[in-house]
């Protein structure tokens, strides 16, 4: 056997165990419902899902600050918001 590809069995198992189950790619607004949604990539299934984030508490961020976060990536997302987002994504992905 001269060509085994990029992985042998041990390296493949290590790679798959360290790979994240899901990854939040972006946050935007649904064009039909006008609710906040998150684009979630699931590498194991090679699919992209849109998860509804409506009704999330913004924890003191103004509407302008939220827009700057979404458009220009200025500032950091509060930890509480990230925790809420991940909880909703986990529930949607059923992990």
C-alpha atoms as a PDB file:
ATOM      1  CA  UNK A   1       0.000   0.000   0.000  1.00  0.00           C
ATOM      2  CA  UNK A   2       1.677   3.167  -1.176  1.00  0.00           C
ATOM      3  CA  UNK A   3      -1.067   5.755  -0.723  1.00  0.00           C
ATOM      4  CA  UNK A   4      -3.001   5.830   2.510  1.00  0.00           C
ATOM      5  CA  UNK A   5      -4.361   9.341   2.226  1.00  0.00           C
ATOM      6  CA  UNK A   6      -3.869  12.106   4.789  1.00  0.00           C
ATOM      7  CA  UNK A   7      -4.838   9.918   7.780  1.00  0.00           C
ATOM      8  CA  UNK A   8      -3.989   6.588   9.239  1.00  0.00           C
ATOM      9  CA  UNK A   9      -6.488   5.069  11.678  1.00  0.00           C
ATOM     10  CA  UNK A  10      -4.988   6.534  14.848  1.00  0.00           C
ATOM     11  CA  UNK A  11      -4.625  10.058  13.467  1.00  0.00           C
ATOM     12  CA  UNK A  12      -8.199   9.937  12.140  1.00  0.00           C
ATOM     13  CA  UNK A  13      -9.556   8.947  15.582  1.00  0.00           C
ATOM     14  CA  UNK A  14      -7.597  11.746  17.283  1.00  0.00           C
ATOM     15  CA  UNK A  15      -8.809  14.292  14.722  1.00  0.00           C
ATOM     16  CA  UNK A  16     -12.447  13.245  15.033  1.00  0.00           C
ATOM     17  CA  UNK A  17     -12.333  13.280  18.845  1.00  0.00           C
ATOM     18  CA  UNK A  18     -10.850  16.807  18.948  1.00  0.00           C
ATOM     19  CA  UNK A  19     -13.186  18.251  16.294  1.00  0.00           C
ATOM     20  CA  UNK A  20     -15.960  20.497  17.673  1.00  0.00           C
ATOM     21  CA  UNK A  21     -19.487  19.112  17.431  1.00  0.00           C
ATOM     22  CA  UNK A  22     -20.831  22.410  16.122  1.00  0.00           C
ATOM     23  CA  UNK A  23     -19.460  25.823  15.241  1.00  0.00           C
ATOM     24  CA  UNK A  24     -21.341  29.129  15.251  1.00  0.00           C
ATOM     25  CA  UNK A  25     -20.398  30.741  11.940  1.00  0.00           C
ATOM     26  CA  UNK A  26     -22.437  33.932  12.047  1.00  0.00           C
ATOM     27  CA  UNK A  27     -25.377  35.824  13.473  1.00  0.00           C
ATOM     28  CA  UNK A  28     -27.964  37.641  11.403  1.00  0.00           C
ATOM     29  CA  UNK A  29     -31.638  38.462  10.997  1.00  0.00           C
ATOM     30  CA  UNK A  30     -34.194  36.191   9.341  1.00  0.00           C
ATOM     31  CA  UNK A  31     -35.673  37.980   6.337  1.00  0.00           C
ATOM     32  CA  UNK A  32     -39.149  36.527   6.828  1.00  0.00           C
ATOM     33  CA  UNK A  33     -39.686  36.707  10.602  1.00  0.00           C
ATOM     34  CA  UNK A  34     -37.287  39.566  11.463  1.00  0.00           C
ATOM     35  CA  UNK A  35     -35.877  37.501  14.350  1.00  0.00           C
ATOM     36  CA  UNK A  36     -32.225  37.044  15.228  1.00  0.00           C
ATOM     37  CA  UNK A  37     -30.773  33.750  13.951  1.00  0.00           C
ATOM     38  CA  UNK A  38     -27.393  32.022  14.166  1.00  0.00           C
ATOM     39  CA  UNK A  39     -25.759  30.110  11.336  1.00  0.00           C
ATOM     40  CA  UNK A  40     -24.382  26.874  12.768  1.00  0.00           C
ATOM     41  CA  UNK A  41     -22.014  24.534  10.944  1.00  0.00           C
ATOM     42  CA  UNK A  42     -22.038  20.854  11.982  1.00  0.00           C
ATOM     43  CA  UNK A  43     -18.810  19.353  10.610  1.00  0.00           C
ATOM     44  CA  UNK A  44     -19.733  15.729  11.349  1.00  0.00           C
ATOM     45  CA  UNK A  45     -22.815  15.939   9.123  1.00  0.00           C
ATOM     46  CA  UNK A  46     -21.418  18.525   6.673  1.00  0.00           C
ATOM     47  CA  UNK A  47     -24.550  20.653   7.024  1.00  0.00           C
ATOM     48  CA  UNK A  48     -25.366  24.232   7.951  1.00  0.00           C
ATOM     49  CA  UNK A  49     -28.369  24.977  10.167  1.00  0.00           C
ATOM     50  CA  UNK A  50     -30.072  28.244  11.065  1.00  0.00           C
ATOM     51  CA  UNK A  51     -31.054  28.441  14.750  1.00  0.00           C
ATOM     52  CA  UNK A  52     -33.641  30.943  16.004  1.00  0.00           C
ATOM     53  CA  UNK A  53     -32.259  33.193  18.769  1.00  0.00           C
ATOM     54  CA  UNK A  54     -35.316  35.405  19.232  1.00  0.00           C
ATOM     55  CA  UNK A  55     -36.150  36.461  22.769  1.00  0.00           C
ATOM     56  CA  UNK A  56     -32.555  36.320  23.974  1.00  0.00           C
ATOM     57  CA  UNK A  57     -31.623  38.833  26.657  1.00  0.00           C
ATOM     58  CA  UNK A  58     -29.049  41.311  25.396  1.00  0.00           C
ATOM     59  CA  UNK A  59     -27.750  42.167  28.895  1.00  0.00           C
ATOM     60  CA  UNK A  60     -27.483  45.918  28.721  1.00  0.00           C
ATOM     61  CA  UNK A  61     -26.318  46.261  25.138  1.00  0.00           C
ATOM     62  CA  UNK A  62     -28.037  48.957  23.155  1.00  0.00           C
ATOM     63  CA  UNK A  63     -29.460  48.381  19.700  1.00  0.00           C
ATOM     64  CA  UNK A  64     -26.548  50.324  18.186  1.00  0.00           C
ATOM     65  CA  UNK A  65     -23.966  48.200  20.022  1.00  0.00           C
ATOM     66  CA  UNK A  66     -25.659  45.014  18.800  1.00  0.00           C
ATOM     67  CA  UNK A  67     -25.548  46.304  15.236  1.00  0.00           C
ATOM     68  CA  UNK A  68     -21.843  47.122  15.526  1.00  0.00           C
ATOM     69  CA  UNK A  69     -21.178  43.621  16.846  1.00  0.00           C
ATOM     70  CA  UNK A  70     -23.049  42.056  13.945  1.00  0.00           C
ATOM     71  CA  UNK A  71     -21.739  44.300  11.167  1.00  0.00           C
ATOM     72  CA  UNK A  72     -18.220  45.298  12.083  1.00  0.00           C
ATOM     73  CA  UNK A  73     -17.181  42.792  14.779  1.00  0.00           C
ATOM     74  CA  UNK A  74     -16.406  45.701  17.117  1.00  0.00           C
ATOM     75  CA  UNK A  75     -16.243  44.793  20.780  1.00  0.00           C
ATOM     76  CA  UNK A  76     -16.748  41.479  22.502  1.00  0.00           C
ATOM     77  CA  UNK A  77     -19.951  39.534  22.917  1.00  0.00           C
ATOM     78  CA  UNK A  78     -20.868  39.309  26.630  1.00  0.00           C
ATOM     79  CA  UNK A  79     -20.284  35.888  28.201  1.00  0.00           C
ATOM     80  CA  UNK A  80     -23.918  35.585  29.254  1.00  0.00           C
ATOM     81  CA  UNK A  81     -25.060  36.055  25.670  1.00  0.00           C
ATOM     82  CA  UNK A  82     -22.591  33.455  24.430  1.00  0.00           C
ATOM     83  CA  UNK A  83     -23.835  30.977  27.048  1.00  0.00           C
ATOM     84  CA  UNK A  84     -27.469  31.575  26.029  1.00  0.00           C
ATOM     85  CA  UNK A  85     -26.560  31.206  22.362  1.00  0.00           C
ATOM     86  CA  UNK A  86     -24.698  27.933  22.908  1.00  0.00           C
ATOM     87  CA  UNK A  87     -27.553  26.550  25.023  1.00  0.00           C
ATOM     88  CA  UNK A  88     -30.065  27.277  22.255  1.00  0.00           C
ATOM     89  CA  UNK A  89     -27.792  25.813  19.600  1.00  0.00           C
ATOM     90  CA  UNK A  90     -27.214  22.650  21.664  1.00  0.00           C
ATOM     91  CA  UNK A  91     -30.969  22.304  22.119  1.00  0.00           C
ATOM     92  CA  UNK A  92     -31.557  22.765  18.371  1.00  0.00           C
ATOM     93  CA  UNK A  93     -28.802  20.334  17.422  1.00  0.00           C
ATOM     94  CA  UNK A  94     -29.975  17.968  20.218  1.00  0.00           C
ATOM     95  CA  UNK A  95     -26.656  17.283  21.912  1.00  0.00           C
END
